[in-house]
Amino acid sequence: MSEESAPHTTAEVVESWTVPVEATQAGLIRSNILVAIEQGYDDPQLVADLAVGPLVMALGKLELTVGKLEVGLAEARRRIEELERALAERDARS
């Protein structure tokens, strides 16, 4: 990034964050931070705090979701093993 195109203000830094259109939560966080900056809350440490809080909450939700997926995957593996044993027993009797 050249010196001319480098962001110089806190708002320019936040505006430079590339957020996919489909990422509504991330876009909302970015938008809310820009509103806070417009209202005078442009201290970089405060902006970092405003960004990190929602990220921590999102990470918590992600951890719970992954945990549930892992439990579901373990249950599916057990069920597959049961079905494979039943098929093997059936084939052994045939």
PDB file of N, CA and C in Angstrom:
ATOM      1  N   MET A   1       0.855  -1.161   0.000  1.00  0.00           N
ATOM      2  CA  MET A   1       0.000   0.000   0.000  1.00  0.00           C
ATOM      3  C   MET A   1       0.902   1.224   0.000  1.00  0.00           C
ATOM      4  N   SER A   2       0.692   2.135  -0.922  1.00  0.00           N
ATOM      5  CA  SER A   2       1.501   3.345  -0.987  1.00  0.00           C
ATOM      6  C   SER A   2       1.088   4.322   0.096  1.00  0.00           C
ATOM      7  N   GLU A   3       1.974   5.276   0.367  1.00  0.00           N
ATOM      8  CA  GLU A   3       1.705   6.279   1.397  1.00  0.00           C
ATOM      9  C   GLU A   3       0.451   7.080   1.055  1.00  0.00           C
ATOM     10  N   GLU A   4       0.242   7.342  -0.232  1.00  0.00           N
ATOM     11  CA  GLU A   4      -0.929   8.121  -0.650  1.00  0.00           C
ATOM     12  C   GLU A   4      -2.231   7.382  -0.401  1.00  0.00           C
ATOM     13  N   SER A   5      -2.241   6.064  -0.594  1.00  0.00           N
ATOM     14  CA  SER A   5      -3.480   5.305  -0.438  1.00  0.00           C
ATOM     15  C   SER A   5      -3.663   4.748   0.972  1.00  0.00           C
ATOM     16  N   ALA A   6      -2.646   4.890   1.814  1.00  0.00           N
ATOM     17  CA  ALA A   6      -2.745   4.372   3.176  1.00  0.00           C
ATOM     18  C   ALA A   6      -3.743   5.198   3.977  1.00  0.00           C
ATOM     19  N   PRO A   7      -4.593   4.539   4.776  1.00  0.00           N
ATOM     20  CA  PRO A   7      -5.547   5.292   5.597  1.00  0.00           C
ATOM     21  C   PRO A   7      -4.806   6.098   6.663  1.00  0.00           C
ATOM     22  N   HIS A   8      -5.285   7.321   6.905  1.00  0.00           N
ATOM     23  CA  HIS A   8      -4.627   8.208   7.858  1.00  0.00           C
ATOM     24  C   HIS A   8      -5.464   8.464   9.101  1.00  0.00           C
ATOM     25  N   THR A   9      -6.757   8.296   9.014  1.00  0.00           N
ATOM     26  CA  THR A   9      -7.618   8.525  10.164  1.00  0.00           C
ATOM     27  C   THR A   9      -8.212   7.207  10.622  1.00  0.00           C
ATOM     28  N   THR A  10      -8.736   7.225  11.831  1.00  0.00           N
ATOM     29  CA  THR A  10      -9.376   6.016  12.357  1.00  0.00           C
ATOM     30  C   THR A  10     -10.529   5.604  11.458  1.00  0.00           C
ATOM     31  N   ALA A  11     -11.324   6.572  11.021  1.00  0.00           N
ATOM     32  CA  ALA A  11     -12.463   6.264  10.139  1.00  0.00           C
ATOM     33  C   ALA A  11     -11.981   5.641   8.833  1.00  0.00           C
ATOM     34  N   GLU A  12     -10.896   6.158   8.271  1.00  0.00           N
ATOM     35  CA  GLU A  12     -10.371   5.598   7.023  1.00  0.00           C
ATOM     36  C   GLU A  12      -9.908   4.160   7.218  1.00  0.00           C
ATOM     37  N   VAL A  13      -9.331   3.881   8.382  1.00  0.00           N
ATOM     38  CA  VAL A  13      -8.899   2.509   8.668  1.00  0.00           C
ATOM     39  C   VAL A  13     -10.117   1.587   8.699  1.00  0.00           C
ATOM     40  N   VAL A  14     -11.159   1.984   9.435  1.00  0.00           N
ATOM     41  CA  VAL A  14     -12.364   1.159   9.540  1.00  0.00           C
ATOM     42  C   VAL A  14     -13.036   1.029   8.173  1.00  0.00           C
ATOM     43  N   GLU A  15     -13.090   2.125   7.418  1.00  0.00           N
ATOM     44  CA  GLU A  15     -13.696   2.070   6.077  1.00  0.00           C
ATOM     45  C   GLU A  15     -12.920   1.147   5.149  1.00  0.00           C
ATOM     46  N   SER A  16     -11.625   0.960   5.410  1.00  0.00           N
ATOM     47  CA  SER A  16     -10.808   0.114   4.542  1.00  0.00           C
ATOM     48  C   SER A  16     -11.013  -1.375   4.807  1.00  0.00           C
ATOM     49  N   TRP A  17     -11.708  -1.714   5.905  1.00  0.00           N
ATOM     50  CA  TRP A  17     -11.975  -3.117   6.200  1.00  0.00           C
ATOM     51  C   TRP A  17     -12.887  -3.687   5.125  1.00  0.00           C
ATOM     52  N   THR A  18     -12.448  -4.714   4.446  1.00  0.00           N
ATOM     53  CA  THR A  18     -13.256  -5.354   3.412  1.00  0.00           C
ATOM     54  C   THR A  18     -14.196  -6.351   4.076  1.00  0.00           C
ATOM     55  N   VAL A  19     -15.486  -6.084   3.965  1.00  0.00           N
ATOM     56  CA  VAL A  19     -16.493  -6.957   4.562  1.00  0.00           C
ATOM     57  C   VAL A  19     -17.403  -7.463   3.441  1.00  0.00           C
ATOM     58  N   PRO A  20     -17.486  -8.775   3.264  1.00  0.00           N
ATOM     59  CA  PRO A  20     -18.375  -9.313   2.228  1.00  0.00           C
ATOM     60  C   PRO A  20     -19.818  -8.863   2.466  1.00  0.00           C
ATOM     61  N   VAL A  21     -20.526  -8.578   1.403  1.00  0.00           N
ATOM     62  CA  VAL A  21     -21.909  -8.108   1.493  1.00  0.00           C
ATOM     63  C   VAL A  21     -22.773  -9.087   2.279  1.00  0.00           C
ATOM     64  N   GLU A  22     -22.525 -10.380   2.107  1.00  0.00           N
ATOM     65  CA  GLU A  22     -23.329 -11.405   2.771  1.00  0.00           C
ATOM     66  C   GLU A  22     -23.055 -11.492   4.270  1.00  0.00           C
ATOM     67  N   ALA A  23     -21.970 -10.907   4.734  1.00  0.00           N
ATOM     68  CA  ALA A  23     -21.591 -10.971   6.150  1.00  0.00           C
ATOM     69  C   ALA A  23     -22.304  -9.847   6.895  1.00  0.00           C
ATOM     70  N   THR A  24     -23.584 -10.047   7.159  1.00  0.00           N
ATOM     71  CA  THR A  24     -24.406  -8.970   7.718  1.00  0.00           C
ATOM     72  C   THR A  24     -23.961  -8.540   9.106  1.00  0.00           C
ATOM     73  N   GLN A  25     -23.579  -9.482   9.951  1.00  0.00           N
ATOM     74  CA  GLN A  25     -23.142  -9.117  11.303  1.00  0.00           C
ATOM     75  C   GLN A  25     -21.861  -8.296  11.249  1.00  0.00           C
ATOM     76  N   ALA A  26     -20.904  -8.739  10.444  1.00  0.00           N
ATOM     77  CA  ALA A  26     -19.642  -8.006  10.317  1.00  0.00           C
ATOM     78  C   ALA A  26     -19.885  -6.614   9.739  1.00  0.00           C
ATOM     79  N   GLY A  27     -20.770  -6.533   8.765  1.00  0.00           N
ATOM     80  CA  GLY A  27     -21.104  -5.231   8.185  1.00  0.00           C
ATOM     81  C   GLY A  27     -21.755  -4.311   9.202  1.00  0.00           C
ATOM     82  N   LEU A  28     -22.614  -4.876  10.034  1.00  0.00           N
ATOM     83  CA  LEU A  28     -23.274  -4.088  11.074  1.00  0.00           C
ATOM     84  C   LEU A  28     -22.262  -3.581  12.096  1.00  0.00           C
ATOM     85  N   ILE A  29     -21.323  -4.418  12.487  1.00  0.00           N
ATOM     86  CA  ILE A  29     -20.284  -4.005  13.425  1.00  0.00           C
ATOM     87  C   ILE A  29     -19.477  -2.852  12.828  1.00  0.00           C
ATOM     88  N   ARG A  30     -19.054  -3.019  11.582  1.00  0.00           N
ATOM     89  CA  ARG A  30     -18.284  -1.971  10.891  1.00  0.00           C
ATOM     90  C   ARG A  30     -19.081  -0.685  10.832  1.00  0.00           C
ATOM     91  N   SER A  31     -20.337  -0.776  10.456  1.00  0.00           N
ATOM     92  CA  SER A  31     -21.201   0.395  10.361  1.00  0.00           C
ATOM     93  C   SER A  31     -21.368   1.081  11.717  1.00  0.00           C
ATOM     94  N   ASN A  32     -21.590   0.305  12.760  1.00  0.00           N
ATOM     95  CA  ASN A  32     -21.756   0.870  14.098  1.00  0.00           C
ATOM     96  C   ASN A  32     -20.484   1.566  14.576  1.00  0.00           C
ATOM     97  N   ILE A  33     -19.348   1.000  14.240  1.00  0.00           N
ATOM     98  CA  ILE A  33     -18.079   1.637  14.615  1.00  0.00           C
ATOM     99  C   ILE A  33     -17.923   2.965  13.886  1.00  0.00           C
ATOM    100  N   LEU A  34     -18.281   2.991  12.612  1.00  0.00           N
ATOM    101  CA  LEU A  34     -18.199   4.255  11.860  1.00  0.00           C
ATOM    102  C   LEU A  34     -19.135   5.307  12.444  1.00  0.00           C
ATOM    103  N   VAL A  35     -20.318   4.898  12.877  1.00  0.00           N
ATOM    104  CA  VAL A  35     -21.250   5.841  13.516  1.00  0.00           C
ATOM    105  C   VAL A  35     -20.638   6.382  14.807  1.00  0.00           C
ATOM    106  N   ALA A  36     -20.030   5.503  15.587  1.00  0.00           N
ATOM    107  CA  ALA A  36     -19.391   5.943  16.833  1.00  0.00           C
ATOM    108  C   ALA A  36     -18.274   6.940  16.538  1.00  0.00           C
ATOM    109  N   ILE A  37     -17.499   6.674  15.501  1.00  0.00           N
ATOM    110  CA  ILE A  37     -16.421   7.589  15.121  1.00  0.00           C
ATOM    111  C   ILE A  37     -17.000   8.940  14.716  1.00  0.00           C
ATOM    112  N   GLU A  38     -18.076   8.920  13.920  1.00  0.00           N
ATOM    113  CA  GLU A  38     -18.723  10.168  13.501  1.00  0.00           C
ATOM    114  C   GLU A  38     -19.223  10.977  14.692  1.00  0.00           C
ATOM    115  N   GLN A  39     -19.577  10.277  15.777  1.00  0.00           N
ATOM    116  CA  GLN A  39     -20.079  10.957  16.974  1.00  0.00           C
ATOM    117  C   GLN A  39     -18.952  11.389  17.900  1.00  0.00           C
ATOM    118  N   GLY A  40     -17.714  11.236  17.445  1.00  0.00           N
ATOM    119  CA  GLY A  40     -16.578  11.724  18.215  1.00  0.00           C
ATOM    120  C   GLY A  40     -15.805  10.675  18.970  1.00  0.00           C
ATOM    121  N   TYR A  41     -16.243   9.432  18.919  1.00  0.00           N
ATOM    122  CA  TYR A  41     -15.538   8.357  19.617  1.00  0.00           C
ATOM    123  C   TYR A  41     -14.520   7.738  18.666  1.00  0.00           C
ATOM    124  N   ASP A  42     -13.463   8.505  18.359  1.00  0.00           N
ATOM    125  CA  ASP A  42     -12.512   8.064  17.343  1.00  0.00           C
ATOM    126  C   ASP A  42     -11.158   7.636  17.904  1.00  0.00           C
ATOM    127  N   ASP A  43     -11.089   7.430  19.208  1.00  0.00           N
ATOM    128  CA  ASP A  43      -9.852   6.943  19.802  1.00  0.00           C
ATOM    129  C   ASP A  43      -9.593   5.525  19.285  1.00  0.00           C
ATOM    130  N   PRO A  44      -8.415   5.256  18.727  1.00  0.00           N
ATOM    131  CA  PRO A  44      -8.148   3.915  18.178  1.00  0.00           C
ATOM    132  C   PRO A  44      -8.353   2.784  19.187  1.00  0.00           C
ATOM    133  N   GLN A  45      -8.029   3.019  20.456  1.00  0.00           N
ATOM    134  CA  GLN A  45      -8.227   1.963  21.463  1.00  0.00           C
ATOM    135  C   GLN A  45      -9.712   1.673  21.650  1.00  0.00           C
ATOM    136  N   LEU A  46     -10.537   2.710  21.659  1.00  0.00           N
ATOM    137  CA  LEU A  46     -11.982   2.517  21.785  1.00  0.00           C
ATOM    138  C   LEU A  46     -12.526   1.779  20.564  1.00  0.00           C
ATOM    139  N   VAL A  47     -12.054   2.152  19.395  1.00  0.00           N
ATOM    140  CA  VAL A  47     -12.490   1.457  18.178  1.00  0.00           C
ATOM    141  C   VAL A  47     -12.115  -0.020  18.250  1.00  0.00           C
ATOM    142  N   ALA A  48     -10.912  -0.306  18.727  1.00  0.00           N
ATOM    143  CA  ALA A  48     -10.497  -1.703  18.879  1.00  0.00           C
ATOM    144  C   ALA A  48     -11.423  -2.429  19.851  1.00  0.00           C
ATOM    145  N   ASP A  49     -11.752  -1.754  20.958  1.00  0.00           N
ATOM    146  CA  ASP A  49     -12.663  -2.367  21.930  1.00  0.00           C
ATOM    147  C   ASP A  49     -14.042  -2.615  21.325  1.00  0.00           C
ATOM    148  N   LEU A  50     -14.511  -1.652  20.535  1.00  0.00           N
ATOM    149  CA  LEU A  50     -15.823  -1.801  19.899  1.00  0.00           C
ATOM    150  C   LEU A  50     -15.822  -2.959  18.899  1.00  0.00           C
ATOM    151  N   ALA A  51     -14.697  -3.197  18.277  1.00  0.00           N
ATOM    152  CA  ALA A  51     -14.605  -4.291  17.302  1.00  0.00           C
ATOM    153  C   ALA A  51     -14.418  -5.636  17.989  1.00  0.00           C
ATOM    154  N   VAL A  52     -13.645  -5.662  19.059  1.00  0.00           N
ATOM    155  CA  VAL A  52     -13.317  -6.932  19.703  1.00  0.00           C
ATOM    156  C   VAL A  52     -14.512  -7.522  20.451  1.00  0.00           C
ATOM    157  N   GLY A  53     -15.308  -6.681  21.085  1.00  0.00           N
ATOM    158  CA  GLY A  53     -16.456  -7.184  21.842  1.00  0.00           C
ATOM    159  C   GLY A  53     -17.364  -8.077  21.012  1.00  0.00           C
ATOM    160  N   PRO A  54     -17.862  -7.596  19.868  1.00  0.00           N
ATOM    161  CA  PRO A  54     -18.711  -8.457  19.040  1.00  0.00           C
ATOM    162  C   PRO A  54     -17.980  -9.683  18.507  1.00  0.00           C
ATOM    163  N   LEU A  55     -16.677  -9.565  18.268  1.00  0.00           N
ATOM    164  CA  LEU A  55     -15.923 -10.726  17.798  1.00  0.00           C
ATOM    165  C   LEU A  55     -15.857 -11.809  18.871  1.00  0.00           C
ATOM    166  N   VAL A  56     -15.692 -11.404  20.117  1.00  0.00           N
ATOM    167  CA  VAL A  56     -15.670 -12.371  21.215  1.00  0.00           C
ATOM    168  C   VAL A  56     -17.026 -13.065  21.330  1.00  0.00           C
ATOM    169  N   MET A  57     -18.107 -12.291  21.195  1.00  0.00           N
ATOM    170  CA  MET A  57     -19.443 -12.894  21.253  1.00  0.00           C
ATOM    171  C   MET A  57     -19.650 -13.868  20.097  1.00  0.00           C
ATOM    172  N   ALA A  58     -19.211 -13.489  18.898  1.00  0.00           N
ATOM    173  CA  ALA A  58     -19.350 -14.361  17.736  1.00  0.00           C
ATOM    174  C   ALA A  58     -18.518 -15.631  17.910  1.00  0.00           C
ATOM    175  N   LEU A  59     -17.327 -15.488  18.462  1.00  0.00           N
ATOM    176  CA  LEU A  59     -16.489 -16.653  18.708  1.00  0.00           C
ATOM    177  C   LEU A  59     -17.164 -17.604  19.692  1.00  0.00           C
ATOM    178  N   GLY A  60     -17.796 -17.048  20.711  1.00  0.00           N
ATOM    179  CA  GLY A  60     -18.523 -17.882  21.667  1.00  0.00           C
ATOM    180  C   GLY A  60     -19.619 -18.677  20.996  1.00  0.00           C
ATOM    181  N   LYS A  61     -20.383 -18.029  20.125  1.00  0.00           N
ATOM    182  CA  LYS A  61     -21.444 -18.731  19.390  1.00  0.00           C
ATOM    183  C   LYS A  61     -20.853 -19.811  18.491  1.00  0.00           C
ATOM    184  N   LEU A  62     -19.743 -19.484  17.850  1.00  0.00           N
ATOM    185  CA  LEU A  62     -19.088 -20.443  16.961  1.00  0.00           C
ATOM    186  C   LEU A  62     -18.603 -21.660  17.740  1.00  0.00           C
ATOM    187  N   GLU A  63     -18.029 -21.418  18.912  1.00  0.00           N
ATOM    188  CA  GLU A  63     -17.572 -22.536  19.743  1.00  0.00           C
ATOM    189  C   GLU A  63     -18.727 -23.457  20.116  1.00  0.00           C
ATOM    190  N   LEU A  64     -19.867 -22.869  20.474  1.00  0.00           N
ATOM    191  CA  LEU A  64     -21.026 -23.692  20.821  1.00  0.00           C
ATOM    192  C   LEU A  64     -21.519 -24.491  19.621  1.00  0.00           C
ATOM    193  N   THR A  65     -21.550 -23.853  18.465  1.00  0.00           N
ATOM    194  CA  THR A  65     -22.002 -24.525  17.250  1.00  0.00           C
ATOM    195  C   THR A  65     -21.073 -25.675  16.892  1.00  0.00           C
ATOM    196  N   VAL A  66     -19.763 -25.421  16.960  1.00  0.00           N
ATOM    197  CA  VAL A  66     -18.794 -26.474  16.647  1.00  0.00           C
ATOM    198  C   VAL A  66     -18.933 -27.622  17.639  1.00  0.00           C
ATOM    199  N   GLY A  67     -19.126 -27.294  18.902  1.00  0.00           N
ATOM    200  CA  GLY A  67     -19.310 -28.342  19.915  1.00  0.00           C
ATOM    201  C   GLY A  67     -20.510 -29.207  19.601  1.00  0.00           C
ATOM    202  N   LYS A  68     -21.624 -28.577  19.207  1.00  0.00           N
ATOM    203  CA  LYS A  68     -22.825 -29.343  18.854  1.00  0.00           C
ATOM    204  C   LYS A  68     -22.580 -30.196  17.612  1.00  0.00           C
ATOM    205  N   LEU A  69     -21.845 -29.642  16.642  1.00  0.00           N
ATOM    206  CA  LEU A  69     -21.537 -30.409  15.437  1.00  0.00           C
ATOM    207  C   LEU A  69     -20.664 -31.612  15.766  1.00  0.00           C
ATOM    208  N   GLU A  70     -19.711 -31.424  16.678  1.00  0.00           N
ATOM    209  CA  GLU A  70     -18.846 -32.540  17.071  1.00  0.00           C
ATOM    210  C   GLU A  70     -19.651 -33.642  17.747  1.00  0.00           C
ATOM    211  N   VAL A  71     -20.592 -33.259  18.600  1.00  0.00           N
ATOM    212  CA  VAL A  71     -21.453 -34.247  19.259  1.00  0.00           C
ATOM    213  C   VAL A  71     -22.285 -34.978  18.212  1.00  0.00           C
ATOM    214  N   GLY A  72     -22.859 -34.231  17.280  1.00  0.00           N
ATOM    215  CA  GLY A  72     -23.660 -34.845  16.222  1.00  0.00           C
ATOM    216  C   GLY A  72     -22.836 -35.774  15.354  1.00  0.00           C
ATOM    217  N   LEU A  73     -21.615 -35.370  15.060  1.00  0.00           N
ATOM    218  CA  LEU A  73     -20.731 -36.199  14.251  1.00  0.00           C
ATOM    219  C   LEU A  73     -20.371 -37.485  14.987  1.00  0.00           C
ATOM    220  N   ALA A  74     -20.097 -37.380  16.281  1.00  0.00           N
ATOM    221  CA  ALA A  74     -19.784 -38.576  17.077  1.00  0.00           C
ATOM    222  C   ALA A  74     -20.975 -39.523  17.100  1.00  0.00           C
ATOM    223  N   GLU A  75     -22.191 -38.971  17.250  1.00  0.00           N
ATOM    224  CA  GLU A  75     -23.398 -39.803  17.234  1.00  0.00           C
ATOM    225  C   GLU A  75     -23.571 -40.468  15.875  1.00  0.00           C
ATOM    226  N   ALA A  76     -23.317 -39.731  14.809  1.00  0.00           N
ATOM    227  CA  ALA A  76     -23.449 -40.293  13.462  1.00  0.00           C
ATOM    228  C   ALA A  76     -22.440 -41.417  13.251  1.00  0.00           C
ATOM    229  N   ARG A  77     -21.215 -41.217  13.732  1.00  0.00           N
ATOM    230  CA  ARG A  77     -20.199 -42.275  13.597  1.00  0.00           C
ATOM    231  C   ARG A  77     -20.608 -43.532  14.354  1.00  0.00           C
ATOM    232  N   ARG A  78     -21.148 -43.341  15.573  1.00  0.00           N
ATOM    233  CA  ARG A  78     -21.612 -44.507  16.340  1.00  0.00           C
ATOM    234  C   ARG A  78     -22.723 -45.236  15.591  1.00  0.00           C
ATOM    235  N   ARG A  79     -23.631 -44.493  15.029  1.00  0.00           N
ATOM    236  CA  ARG A  79     -24.753 -45.100  14.298  1.00  0.00           C
ATOM    237  C   ARG A  79     -24.261 -45.835  13.057  1.00  0.00           C
ATOM    238  N   ILE A  80     -23.297 -45.251  12.358  1.00  0.00           N
ATOM    239  CA  ILE A  80     -22.719 -45.918  11.183  1.00  0.00           C
ATOM    240  C   ILE A  80     -22.061 -47.236  11.594  1.00  0.00           C
ATOM    241  N   GLU A  81     -21.317 -47.189  12.711  1.00  0.00           N
ATOM    242  CA  GLU A  81     -20.674 -48.420  13.201  1.00  0.00           C
ATOM    243  C   GLU A  81     -21.721 -49.480  13.537  1.00  0.00           C
ATOM    244  N   GLU A  82     -22.828 -49.068  14.169  1.00  0.00           N
ATOM    245  CA  GLU A  82     -23.909 -50.008  14.493  1.00  0.00           C
ATOM    246  C   GLU A  82     -24.490 -50.620  13.219  1.00  0.00           C
ATOM    247  N   LEU A  83     -24.731 -49.780  12.235  1.00  0.00           N
ATOM    248  CA  LEU A  83     -25.288 -50.266  10.971  1.00  0.00           C
ATOM    249  C   LEU A  83     -24.312 -51.198  10.258  1.00  0.00           C
ATOM    250  N   GLU A  84     -23.030 -50.849  10.280  1.00  0.00           N
ATOM    251  CA  GLU A  84     -22.035 -51.714   9.647  1.00  0.00           C
ATOM    252  C   GLU A  84     -21.965 -53.070  10.341  1.00  0.00           C
ATOM    253  N   ARG A  85     -22.056 -53.073  11.689  1.00  0.00           N
ATOM    254  CA  ARG A  85     -22.054 -54.347  12.427  1.00  0.00           C
ATOM    255  C   ARG A  85     -23.296 -55.167  12.070  1.00  0.00           C
ATOM    256  N   ALA A  86     -24.454 -54.501  11.997  1.00  0.00           N
ATOM    257  CA  ALA A  86     -25.687 -55.214  11.664  1.00  0.00           C
ATOM    258  C   ALA A  86     -25.606 -55.802  10.263  1.00  0.00           C
ATOM    259  N   LEU A  87     -25.050 -55.036   9.330  1.00  0.00           N
ATOM    260  CA  LEU A  87     -24.899 -55.556   7.956  1.00  0.00           C
ATOM    261  C   LEU A  87     -23.927 -56.723   7.912  1.00  0.00           C
ATOM    262  N   ALA A  88     -22.844 -56.604   8.675  1.00  0.00           N
ATOM    263  CA  ALA A  88     -21.864 -57.704   8.697  1.00  0.00           C
ATOM    264  C   ALA A  88     -22.484 -58.972   9.292  1.00  0.00           C
ATOM    265  N   GLU A  89     -23.283 -58.825  10.354  1.00  0.00           N
ATOM    266  CA  GLU A  89     -23.969 -59.978  10.947  1.00  0.00           C
ATOM    267  C   GLU A  89     -24.958 -60.591   9.971  1.00  0.00           C
ATOM    268  N   ARG A  90     -25.702 -59.753   9.272  1.00  0.00           N
ATOM    269  CA  ARG A  90     -26.671 -60.238   8.299  1.00  0.00           C
ATOM    270  C   ARG A  90     -25.979 -60.988   7.181  1.00  0.00           C
ATOM    271  N   ASP A  91     -24.860 -60.397   6.690  1.00  0.00           N
ATOM    272  CA  ASP A  91     -24.105 -61.051   5.602  1.00  0.00           C
ATOM    273  C   ASP A  91     -23.491 -62.359   6.067  1.00  0.00           C
ATOM    274  N   ALA A  92     -23.094 -62.419   7.353  1.00  0.00           N
ATOM    275  CA  ALA A  92     -22.490 -63.651   7.874  1.00  0.00           C
ATOM    276  C   ALA A  92     -23.517 -64.759   7.960  1.00  0.00           C
ATOM    277  N   ARG A  93     -24.787 -64.409   8.210  1.00  0.00           N
ATOM    278  CA  ARG A  93     -25.863 -65.411   8.294  1.00  0.00           C
ATOM    279  C   ARG A  93     -26.329 -65.882   6.924  1.00  0.00           C
ATOM    280  N   SER A  94     -26.045 -65.077   5.917  1.00  0.00           N
ATOM    281  CA  SER A  94     -26.543 -65.432   4.560  1.00  0.00           C
ATOM    282  C   SER A  94     -25.728 -66.491   3.900  1.00  0.00           C
TER     283      SER A  94
END
